[in-house]
N, C-alpha and C. Protein backbone atom coordinates (compact mmCIF):
# COMPACT_ATOMS: atom_id res chain seq x y z
N MET A 1 -3.64 -12.42 -39.27
CA MET A 1 -2.21 -12.50 -39.04
C MET A 1 -1.58 -11.11 -39.00
N ALA A 2 -2.14 -10.21 -39.80
CA ALA A 2 -1.61 -8.84 -39.81
C ALA A 2 -1.81 -8.18 -38.45
N ASP A 3 -2.95 -8.50 -37.78
CA ASP A 3 -3.20 -7.94 -36.45
C ASP A 3 -2.16 -8.40 -35.45
N VAL A 4 -1.80 -9.69 -35.51
CA VAL A 4 -0.81 -10.23 -34.59
C VAL A 4 0.54 -9.55 -34.82
N GLU A 5 0.92 -9.36 -36.06
CA GLU A 5 2.19 -8.69 -36.35
C GLU A 5 2.15 -7.23 -35.89
N ALA A 6 1.02 -6.57 -36.09
CA ALA A 6 0.88 -5.19 -35.61
C ALA A 6 0.96 -5.14 -34.09
N ASN A 7 0.35 -6.13 -33.43
CA ASN A 7 0.40 -6.19 -31.96
C ASN A 7 1.82 -6.45 -31.47
N ARG A 8 2.54 -7.33 -32.16
CA ARG A 8 3.95 -7.58 -31.78
C ARG A 8 4.78 -6.29 -31.94
N ALA A 9 4.52 -5.57 -33.01
CA ALA A 9 5.24 -4.31 -33.22
C ALA A 9 4.91 -3.32 -32.10
N ALA A 10 3.64 -3.29 -31.70
CA ALA A 10 3.23 -2.41 -30.60
C ALA A 10 3.90 -2.85 -29.29
N GLN A 11 3.97 -4.17 -29.06
CA GLN A 11 4.66 -4.68 -27.86
C GLN A 11 6.13 -4.30 -27.89
N ARG A 12 6.74 -4.37 -29.06
CA ARG A 12 8.15 -4.01 -29.18
C ARG A 12 8.34 -2.53 -28.80
N GLU A 13 7.40 -1.71 -29.20
CA GLU A 13 7.46 -0.29 -28.85
C GLU A 13 7.32 -0.08 -27.34
N LEU A 14 6.39 -0.80 -26.73
CA LEU A 14 6.11 -0.63 -25.30
C LEU A 14 7.16 -1.28 -24.40
N TYR A 15 7.59 -2.50 -24.77
CA TYR A 15 8.41 -3.30 -23.87
C TYR A 15 9.84 -3.56 -24.37
N GLY A 16 10.14 -3.12 -25.58
CA GLY A 16 11.48 -3.35 -26.12
C GLY A 16 11.58 -4.60 -26.97
N GLU A 17 10.68 -5.53 -26.79
CA GLU A 17 10.59 -6.75 -27.59
C GLU A 17 9.21 -7.34 -27.36
N PRO A 18 8.79 -8.27 -28.22
CA PRO A 18 7.46 -8.87 -28.02
C PRO A 18 7.35 -9.58 -26.67
N LEU A 19 6.19 -9.46 -26.05
CA LEU A 19 5.98 -10.08 -24.74
C LEU A 19 6.17 -11.58 -24.76
N GLY A 20 5.85 -12.23 -25.86
CA GLY A 20 6.03 -13.67 -25.96
C GLY A 20 7.49 -14.05 -25.72
N GLU A 21 8.42 -13.28 -26.26
CA GLU A 21 9.85 -13.55 -26.08
C GLU A 21 10.28 -13.28 -24.63
N ILE A 22 9.81 -12.18 -24.08
CA ILE A 22 10.16 -11.83 -22.70
C ILE A 22 9.64 -12.89 -21.74
N LEU A 23 8.37 -13.23 -21.88
CA LEU A 23 7.74 -14.17 -20.96
C LEU A 23 8.29 -15.58 -21.11
N THR A 24 8.62 -15.98 -22.32
CA THR A 24 9.23 -17.29 -22.52
C THR A 24 10.59 -17.35 -21.84
N ARG A 25 11.37 -16.30 -21.98
CA ARG A 25 12.68 -16.25 -21.31
C ARG A 25 12.51 -16.32 -19.79
N CYS A 26 11.56 -15.61 -19.25
CA CYS A 26 11.29 -15.65 -17.81
C CYS A 26 10.91 -17.06 -17.37
N ARG A 27 10.02 -17.67 -18.12
CA ARG A 27 9.55 -19.02 -17.79
C ARG A 27 10.70 -20.02 -17.82
N GLU A 28 11.54 -19.93 -18.83
CA GLU A 28 12.64 -20.88 -18.97
C GLU A 28 13.72 -20.69 -17.90
N VAL A 29 14.14 -19.47 -17.67
CA VAL A 29 15.20 -19.21 -16.69
C VAL A 29 14.74 -19.57 -15.28
N LEU A 30 13.49 -19.26 -14.96
CA LEU A 30 12.99 -19.51 -13.61
C LEU A 30 12.38 -20.91 -13.46
N GLY A 31 12.30 -21.66 -14.56
CA GLY A 31 11.78 -23.02 -14.48
C GLY A 31 10.31 -23.08 -14.13
N LEU A 32 9.53 -22.17 -14.68
CA LEU A 32 8.11 -22.09 -14.35
C LEU A 32 7.26 -22.64 -15.48
N THR A 33 6.16 -23.24 -15.13
CA THR A 33 5.15 -23.58 -16.14
C THR A 33 4.44 -22.29 -16.52
N GLN A 34 3.71 -22.32 -17.60
CA GLN A 34 2.97 -21.13 -18.01
C GLN A 34 1.92 -20.77 -16.96
N ALA A 35 1.28 -21.77 -16.36
CA ALA A 35 0.27 -21.51 -15.33
C ALA A 35 0.92 -20.87 -14.10
N ARG A 36 2.09 -21.35 -13.70
CA ARG A 36 2.78 -20.79 -12.53
C ARG A 36 3.25 -19.37 -12.83
N LEU A 37 3.73 -19.13 -14.06
CA LEU A 37 4.15 -17.79 -14.45
C LEU A 37 2.96 -16.82 -14.33
N ALA A 38 1.81 -17.24 -14.81
CA ALA A 38 0.62 -16.39 -14.71
C ALA A 38 0.29 -16.10 -13.26
N ALA A 39 0.37 -17.13 -12.42
CA ALA A 39 0.07 -16.94 -10.99
C ALA A 39 1.05 -15.98 -10.33
N VAL A 40 2.32 -16.10 -10.63
CA VAL A 40 3.33 -15.21 -10.04
C VAL A 40 3.07 -13.77 -10.48
N LEU A 41 2.72 -13.59 -11.74
CA LEU A 41 2.43 -12.24 -12.23
C LEU A 41 1.11 -11.69 -11.71
N GLY A 42 0.22 -12.60 -11.33
CA GLY A 42 -1.08 -12.17 -10.82
C GLY A 42 -2.11 -11.94 -11.91
N ILE A 43 -1.95 -12.65 -13.02
CA ILE A 43 -2.93 -12.57 -14.09
C ILE A 43 -3.42 -13.99 -14.40
N SER A 44 -4.50 -14.08 -15.14
CA SER A 44 -5.05 -15.39 -15.47
C SER A 44 -4.19 -16.07 -16.54
N ALA A 45 -4.24 -17.38 -16.58
CA ALA A 45 -3.51 -18.13 -17.60
C ALA A 45 -3.99 -17.74 -19.01
N PRO A 46 -5.31 -17.57 -19.23
CA PRO A 46 -5.74 -17.14 -20.57
C PRO A 46 -5.20 -15.76 -20.96
N MET A 47 -5.14 -14.84 -19.99
CA MET A 47 -4.59 -13.51 -20.28
C MET A 47 -3.11 -13.63 -20.66
N LEU A 48 -2.37 -14.44 -19.91
CA LEU A 48 -0.95 -14.64 -20.22
C LEU A 48 -0.80 -15.20 -21.63
N SER A 49 -1.60 -16.18 -21.97
CA SER A 49 -1.55 -16.78 -23.30
C SER A 49 -1.84 -15.74 -24.38
N GLN A 50 -2.80 -14.88 -24.12
CA GLN A 50 -3.17 -13.86 -25.11
C GLN A 50 -2.05 -12.84 -25.34
N VAL A 51 -1.37 -12.42 -24.27
CA VAL A 51 -0.29 -11.45 -24.48
C VAL A 51 0.94 -12.13 -25.09
N MET A 52 1.17 -13.41 -24.73
CA MET A 52 2.31 -14.12 -25.29
C MET A 52 2.14 -14.35 -26.80
N SER A 53 0.90 -14.60 -27.22
CA SER A 53 0.64 -14.85 -28.64
C SER A 53 0.30 -13.56 -29.39
N ALA A 54 0.40 -12.43 -28.72
CA ALA A 54 0.15 -11.10 -29.30
C ALA A 54 -1.30 -10.92 -29.74
N GLN A 55 -2.22 -11.66 -29.12
CA GLN A 55 -3.63 -11.39 -29.34
C GLN A 55 -4.04 -10.14 -28.58
N ARG A 56 -3.30 -9.85 -27.53
CA ARG A 56 -3.44 -8.60 -26.78
C ARG A 56 -2.09 -7.90 -26.83
N ILE A 57 -2.12 -6.58 -26.78
CA ILE A 57 -0.88 -5.82 -26.88
C ILE A 57 -0.16 -5.71 -25.55
N LYS A 58 -0.90 -5.44 -24.48
CA LYS A 58 -0.22 -5.19 -23.21
C LYS A 58 -0.92 -5.84 -22.05
N ILE A 59 -0.18 -5.90 -20.96
CA ILE A 59 -0.73 -6.34 -19.69
C ILE A 59 -1.32 -5.10 -19.04
N GLY A 60 -2.60 -5.12 -18.79
CA GLY A 60 -3.28 -3.94 -18.28
C GLY A 60 -3.19 -3.74 -16.78
N HIS A 61 -2.85 -4.77 -16.05
CA HIS A 61 -2.84 -4.69 -14.59
C HIS A 61 -1.49 -4.15 -14.11
N PRO A 62 -1.46 -2.99 -13.43
CA PRO A 62 -0.20 -2.37 -13.03
C PRO A 62 0.66 -3.24 -12.10
N VAL A 63 0.03 -4.02 -11.24
CA VAL A 63 0.80 -4.90 -10.34
C VAL A 63 1.52 -5.96 -11.17
N ALA A 64 0.83 -6.52 -12.15
CA ALA A 64 1.45 -7.53 -13.01
C ALA A 64 2.60 -6.94 -13.80
N VAL A 65 2.47 -5.71 -14.25
CA VAL A 65 3.55 -5.05 -14.99
C VAL A 65 4.76 -4.84 -14.08
N ARG A 66 4.54 -4.41 -12.83
CA ARG A 66 5.66 -4.25 -11.89
C ARG A 66 6.33 -5.58 -11.62
N ARG A 67 5.53 -6.62 -11.46
CA ARG A 67 6.11 -7.95 -11.21
C ARG A 67 6.90 -8.43 -12.42
N LEU A 68 6.40 -8.20 -13.62
CA LEU A 68 7.13 -8.59 -14.81
C LEU A 68 8.46 -7.85 -14.89
N GLN A 69 8.45 -6.57 -14.59
CA GLN A 69 9.70 -5.79 -14.63
C GLN A 69 10.69 -6.34 -13.61
N ALA A 70 10.23 -6.64 -12.41
CA ALA A 70 11.11 -7.21 -11.39
C ALA A 70 11.65 -8.56 -11.84
N MET A 71 10.81 -9.35 -12.50
CA MET A 71 11.23 -10.66 -12.98
C MET A 71 12.33 -10.51 -14.03
N VAL A 72 12.13 -9.62 -14.97
CA VAL A 72 13.13 -9.38 -16.02
C VAL A 72 14.44 -8.87 -15.39
N ASP A 73 14.32 -8.00 -14.40
CA ASP A 73 15.49 -7.44 -13.75
C ASP A 73 16.37 -8.49 -13.07
N VAL A 74 15.78 -9.56 -12.59
CA VAL A 74 16.52 -10.56 -11.82
C VAL A 74 16.98 -11.76 -12.67
N LEU A 75 16.55 -11.84 -13.92
CA LEU A 75 16.85 -13.02 -14.75
C LEU A 75 18.34 -13.29 -14.91
N ASP A 76 19.12 -12.27 -15.20
CA ASP A 76 20.56 -12.48 -15.41
C ASP A 76 21.23 -13.02 -14.16
N GLU A 77 20.81 -12.53 -13.00
CA GLU A 77 21.39 -13.01 -11.74
C GLU A 77 21.04 -14.48 -11.50
N VAL A 78 19.82 -14.86 -11.82
CA VAL A 78 19.41 -16.26 -11.66
C VAL A 78 20.18 -17.13 -12.64
N ALA A 79 20.26 -16.70 -13.88
CA ALA A 79 20.96 -17.47 -14.91
C ALA A 79 22.44 -17.66 -14.56
N ALA A 80 23.03 -16.65 -13.90
CA ALA A 80 24.45 -16.73 -13.52
C ALA A 80 24.65 -17.48 -12.19
N GLY A 81 23.56 -17.89 -11.56
CA GLY A 81 23.68 -18.61 -10.30
C GLY A 81 23.94 -17.71 -9.11
N GLN A 82 23.73 -16.41 -9.26
CA GLN A 82 23.99 -15.45 -8.19
C GLN A 82 22.79 -15.31 -7.26
N VAL A 83 21.61 -15.64 -7.76
CA VAL A 83 20.38 -15.54 -6.98
C VAL A 83 19.60 -16.84 -7.17
N ARG A 84 19.11 -17.38 -6.07
CA ARG A 84 18.29 -18.59 -6.15
C ARG A 84 16.91 -18.24 -6.69
N VAL A 85 16.29 -19.20 -7.35
CA VAL A 85 14.98 -18.98 -7.95
C VAL A 85 13.97 -18.54 -6.90
N ASP A 86 13.97 -19.18 -5.72
CA ASP A 86 12.98 -18.81 -4.71
C ASP A 86 13.18 -17.38 -4.22
N ASP A 87 14.43 -16.93 -4.12
CA ASP A 87 14.70 -15.54 -3.74
C ASP A 87 14.24 -14.58 -4.85
N ALA A 88 14.47 -14.97 -6.09
CA ALA A 88 14.04 -14.14 -7.22
C ALA A 88 12.52 -14.01 -7.23
N LEU A 89 11.83 -15.12 -7.01
CA LEU A 89 10.36 -15.07 -7.00
C LEU A 89 9.84 -14.24 -5.83
N ALA A 90 10.54 -14.28 -4.70
CA ALA A 90 10.14 -13.44 -3.56
C ALA A 90 10.26 -11.97 -3.93
N ARG A 91 11.33 -11.61 -4.64
CA ARG A 91 11.50 -10.22 -5.09
C ARG A 91 10.39 -9.81 -6.04
N VAL A 92 10.05 -10.72 -6.93
CA VAL A 92 8.99 -10.43 -7.90
C VAL A 92 7.67 -10.18 -7.18
N GLU A 93 7.34 -11.04 -6.24
CA GLU A 93 6.09 -10.87 -5.50
C GLU A 93 6.08 -9.58 -4.70
N GLN A 94 7.22 -9.23 -4.12
CA GLN A 94 7.31 -7.99 -3.36
C GLN A 94 7.15 -6.78 -4.25
N ALA A 95 7.63 -6.88 -5.47
CA ALA A 95 7.49 -5.76 -6.41
C ALA A 95 6.02 -5.44 -6.65
N GLY A 96 5.20 -6.47 -6.65
CA GLY A 96 3.77 -6.27 -6.84
C GLY A 96 3.07 -5.73 -5.62
N ASP A 97 3.71 -5.86 -4.46
CA ASP A 97 3.11 -5.39 -3.22
C ASP A 97 3.36 -3.92 -2.97
N SER A 98 4.30 -3.33 -3.69
CA SER A 98 4.69 -1.95 -3.45
C SER A 98 3.78 -0.97 -4.17
N SER A 99 3.47 0.13 -3.52
CA SER A 99 2.65 1.16 -4.16
C SER A 99 3.50 2.23 -4.83
N GLU A 100 4.83 2.12 -4.73
CA GLU A 100 5.70 3.18 -5.25
C GLU A 100 5.51 3.46 -6.73
N ALA A 101 5.43 2.41 -7.55
CA ALA A 101 5.37 2.62 -8.99
C ALA A 101 4.09 3.34 -9.40
N LEU A 102 3.02 3.15 -8.67
CA LEU A 102 1.76 3.79 -9.03
C LEU A 102 1.67 5.22 -8.52
N THR A 103 2.16 5.46 -7.32
CA THR A 103 1.93 6.76 -6.71
C THR A 103 3.13 7.68 -6.79
N GLY A 104 4.32 7.11 -7.03
CA GLY A 104 5.52 7.92 -7.02
C GLY A 104 5.97 8.25 -5.62
N THR A 105 5.32 7.71 -4.62
CA THR A 105 5.70 7.97 -3.24
C THR A 105 6.23 6.69 -2.62
N THR A 106 6.97 6.85 -1.56
CA THR A 106 7.46 5.67 -0.86
C THR A 106 6.62 5.44 0.36
N ARG A 107 6.62 4.22 0.83
CA ARG A 107 5.92 3.90 2.06
C ARG A 107 6.85 3.04 2.90
N ARG A 108 6.62 3.02 4.17
CA ARG A 108 7.44 2.19 5.03
C ARG A 108 7.01 0.75 4.83
N GLY A 109 7.93 -0.08 4.34
CA GLY A 109 7.61 -1.47 4.06
C GLY A 109 8.10 -2.37 5.16
N SER A 110 7.87 -3.64 4.99
CA SER A 110 8.35 -4.62 5.94
C SER A 110 9.87 -4.71 5.87
N THR A 111 10.45 -5.33 6.86
CA THR A 111 11.90 -5.53 6.87
C THR A 111 12.31 -6.31 5.64
N ARG A 112 11.54 -7.32 5.29
CA ARG A 112 11.86 -8.14 4.12
C ARG A 112 11.82 -7.31 2.84
N GLU A 113 10.83 -6.44 2.70
CA GLU A 113 10.74 -5.57 1.52
C GLU A 113 11.94 -4.62 1.46
N THR A 114 12.29 -4.06 2.61
CA THR A 114 13.42 -3.14 2.66
C THR A 114 14.71 -3.87 2.31
N ALA A 115 14.89 -5.07 2.87
CA ALA A 115 16.08 -5.86 2.57
C ALA A 115 16.16 -6.17 1.08
N ALA A 116 15.03 -6.50 0.47
CA ALA A 116 15.01 -6.79 -0.97
C ALA A 116 15.39 -5.55 -1.77
N ALA A 117 14.93 -4.39 -1.34
CA ALA A 117 15.27 -3.15 -2.05
C ALA A 117 16.76 -2.84 -1.93
N VAL A 118 17.32 -3.06 -0.75
CA VAL A 118 18.75 -2.81 -0.56
C VAL A 118 19.55 -3.80 -1.41
N GLN A 119 19.15 -5.07 -1.40
CA GLN A 119 19.84 -6.06 -2.23
C GLN A 119 19.76 -5.67 -3.71
N ALA A 120 18.62 -5.23 -4.15
CA ALA A 120 18.46 -4.84 -5.55
C ALA A 120 19.41 -3.70 -5.91
N MET A 121 19.55 -2.75 -4.98
CA MET A 121 20.47 -1.64 -5.22
C MET A 121 21.91 -2.14 -5.33
N PHE A 122 22.33 -2.99 -4.39
CA PHE A 122 23.68 -3.54 -4.43
C PHE A 122 23.90 -4.30 -5.73
N ARG A 123 22.94 -5.12 -6.10
CA ARG A 123 23.11 -6.00 -7.25
C ARG A 123 22.96 -5.28 -8.58
N SER A 124 22.48 -4.06 -8.53
CA SER A 124 22.39 -3.29 -9.77
C SER A 124 23.74 -2.70 -10.16
N VAL A 125 24.67 -2.64 -9.21
CA VAL A 125 25.97 -2.04 -9.51
C VAL A 125 27.10 -3.04 -9.66
N ALA A 126 26.93 -4.26 -9.16
CA ALA A 126 27.99 -5.25 -9.27
C ALA A 126 27.42 -6.65 -9.05
N SER A 127 28.14 -7.64 -9.52
CA SER A 127 27.72 -9.03 -9.37
C SER A 127 28.02 -9.52 -7.95
N ALA A 128 27.44 -10.64 -7.60
CA ALA A 128 27.71 -11.26 -6.30
C ALA A 128 29.20 -11.55 -6.16
N THR A 129 29.81 -12.03 -7.21
CA THR A 129 31.25 -12.34 -7.19
C THR A 129 32.06 -11.08 -6.88
N ASP A 130 31.70 -9.96 -7.48
CA ASP A 130 32.41 -8.70 -7.22
C ASP A 130 32.24 -8.25 -5.77
N HIS A 131 31.02 -8.39 -5.24
CA HIS A 131 30.79 -8.00 -3.85
C HIS A 131 31.59 -8.88 -2.90
N LEU A 132 31.65 -10.17 -3.18
CA LEU A 132 32.42 -11.08 -2.33
C LEU A 132 33.92 -10.76 -2.39
N ALA A 133 34.42 -10.45 -3.58
CA ALA A 133 35.83 -10.08 -3.73
C ALA A 133 36.13 -8.79 -2.97
N ALA A 134 35.24 -7.82 -3.06
CA ALA A 134 35.43 -6.56 -2.33
C ALA A 134 35.39 -6.81 -0.82
N ALA A 135 34.50 -7.69 -0.39
CA ALA A 135 34.41 -8.02 1.04
C ALA A 135 35.71 -8.64 1.52
N ASP A 136 36.28 -9.52 0.72
CA ASP A 136 37.57 -10.13 1.09
C ASP A 136 38.67 -9.08 1.23
N LEU A 137 38.65 -8.08 0.38
CA LEU A 137 39.67 -7.03 0.41
C LEU A 137 39.60 -6.17 1.67
N VAL A 138 38.39 -5.92 2.16
CA VAL A 138 38.25 -5.01 3.30
C VAL A 138 37.99 -5.71 4.63
N ALA A 139 37.86 -7.03 4.61
CA ALA A 139 37.45 -7.77 5.80
C ALA A 139 38.35 -7.54 7.01
N ALA A 140 39.64 -7.53 6.81
CA ALA A 140 40.57 -7.39 7.94
C ALA A 140 40.45 -6.03 8.61
N SER A 141 40.33 -4.99 7.84
CA SER A 141 40.30 -3.64 8.41
C SER A 141 38.88 -3.12 8.67
N HIS A 142 37.91 -3.63 7.95
CA HIS A 142 36.53 -3.15 8.07
C HIS A 142 35.55 -4.32 8.03
N PRO A 143 35.49 -5.13 9.08
CA PRO A 143 34.66 -6.33 9.06
C PRO A 143 33.16 -6.07 8.90
N GLN A 144 32.67 -4.97 9.43
CA GLN A 144 31.24 -4.69 9.29
C GLN A 144 30.88 -4.32 7.84
N ILE A 145 31.77 -3.61 7.20
CA ILE A 145 31.54 -3.29 5.78
C ILE A 145 31.59 -4.57 4.95
N ALA A 146 32.53 -5.44 5.27
CA ALA A 146 32.63 -6.72 4.57
C ALA A 146 31.35 -7.53 4.74
N ALA A 147 30.79 -7.51 5.94
CA ALA A 147 29.55 -8.25 6.20
C ALA A 147 28.41 -7.70 5.36
N ILE A 148 28.33 -6.39 5.25
CA ILE A 148 27.28 -5.76 4.44
C ILE A 148 27.44 -6.15 2.97
N LEU A 149 28.66 -6.13 2.48
CA LEU A 149 28.90 -6.52 1.09
C LEU A 149 28.48 -7.97 0.84
N ARG A 150 28.79 -8.84 1.79
CA ARG A 150 28.45 -10.25 1.63
C ARG A 150 26.94 -10.48 1.70
N VAL A 151 26.30 -9.88 2.70
CA VAL A 151 24.87 -10.13 2.91
C VAL A 151 24.02 -9.51 1.81
N TYR A 152 24.23 -8.23 1.51
CA TYR A 152 23.37 -7.57 0.54
C TYR A 152 23.84 -7.77 -0.90
N GLY A 153 25.12 -7.97 -1.08
CA GLY A 153 25.65 -8.15 -2.43
C GLY A 153 25.58 -9.58 -2.93
N ALA A 154 25.58 -10.55 -2.01
CA ALA A 154 25.64 -11.95 -2.46
C ALA A 154 24.78 -12.91 -1.64
N GLY A 155 24.22 -12.46 -0.53
CA GLY A 155 23.45 -13.35 0.34
C GLY A 155 22.02 -13.54 -0.13
N SER A 156 21.34 -14.43 0.57
CA SER A 156 19.92 -14.68 0.26
C SER A 156 19.06 -13.56 0.84
N LEU A 157 17.84 -13.49 0.39
CA LEU A 157 16.91 -12.50 0.93
C LEU A 157 16.67 -12.74 2.42
N ASP A 158 16.60 -14.00 2.83
CA ASP A 158 16.41 -14.30 4.25
C ASP A 158 17.57 -13.76 5.09
N GLU A 159 18.80 -13.94 4.60
CA GLU A 159 19.98 -13.43 5.31
C GLU A 159 19.95 -11.91 5.41
N ALA A 160 19.56 -11.26 4.32
CA ALA A 160 19.50 -9.80 4.30
C ALA A 160 18.43 -9.28 5.26
N ALA A 161 17.27 -9.91 5.27
CA ALA A 161 16.20 -9.48 6.17
C ALA A 161 16.61 -9.69 7.62
N GLU A 162 17.27 -10.81 7.89
CA GLU A 162 17.75 -11.07 9.25
C GLU A 162 18.80 -10.04 9.67
N HIS A 163 19.71 -9.72 8.77
CA HIS A 163 20.74 -8.71 9.05
C HIS A 163 20.10 -7.35 9.32
N LEU A 164 19.19 -6.95 8.45
CA LEU A 164 18.53 -5.66 8.61
C LEU A 164 17.73 -5.62 9.88
N SER A 165 17.08 -6.70 10.21
CA SER A 165 16.32 -6.79 11.45
C SER A 165 17.20 -6.53 12.65
N GLY A 166 18.39 -7.08 12.64
CA GLY A 166 19.34 -6.89 13.73
C GLY A 166 19.86 -5.47 13.78
N GLN A 167 19.89 -4.77 12.65
CA GLN A 167 20.40 -3.40 12.58
C GLN A 167 19.37 -2.37 13.01
N THR A 168 18.08 -2.74 12.94
CA THR A 168 17.04 -1.73 13.18
C THR A 168 16.42 -1.85 14.56
N ARG A 169 16.92 -2.75 15.38
CA ARG A 169 16.35 -2.89 16.73
C ARG A 169 16.82 -1.81 17.64
């Protein structure tokens, strides 16, 4: 039992809180089973169980760590109804597809990846409600800016990718 408590303390140092608490919150907010959570992260169900119960201290796979970070980043938006679960899961999966976190370099991604990154930037500074309110304020004089606020600040990932696709042709 002392090992488990030491592992939880180590997880708290690494992740800010024990992984069991983080992963349970992710599972509950996103409505995932433990098996589905493991699949989304890209780790085995036994590995997930071991880190949740603090039998292991950390997730060793860098892609899984990036996906977990993306999942945690989007939880508040999902809980507030600002982002649909399927859009959140798409962002999580895309986070694991990126090589940026490992190499420190950027690469040219798909339109969908780029749209997700732009949406993440917009949503990191204001809520969907705030973006929609700002869009309403500028719509009459600046309709294209209003459209950008609506699509990237409050729209679905599909809408953002479609918008970006139209802008890059």
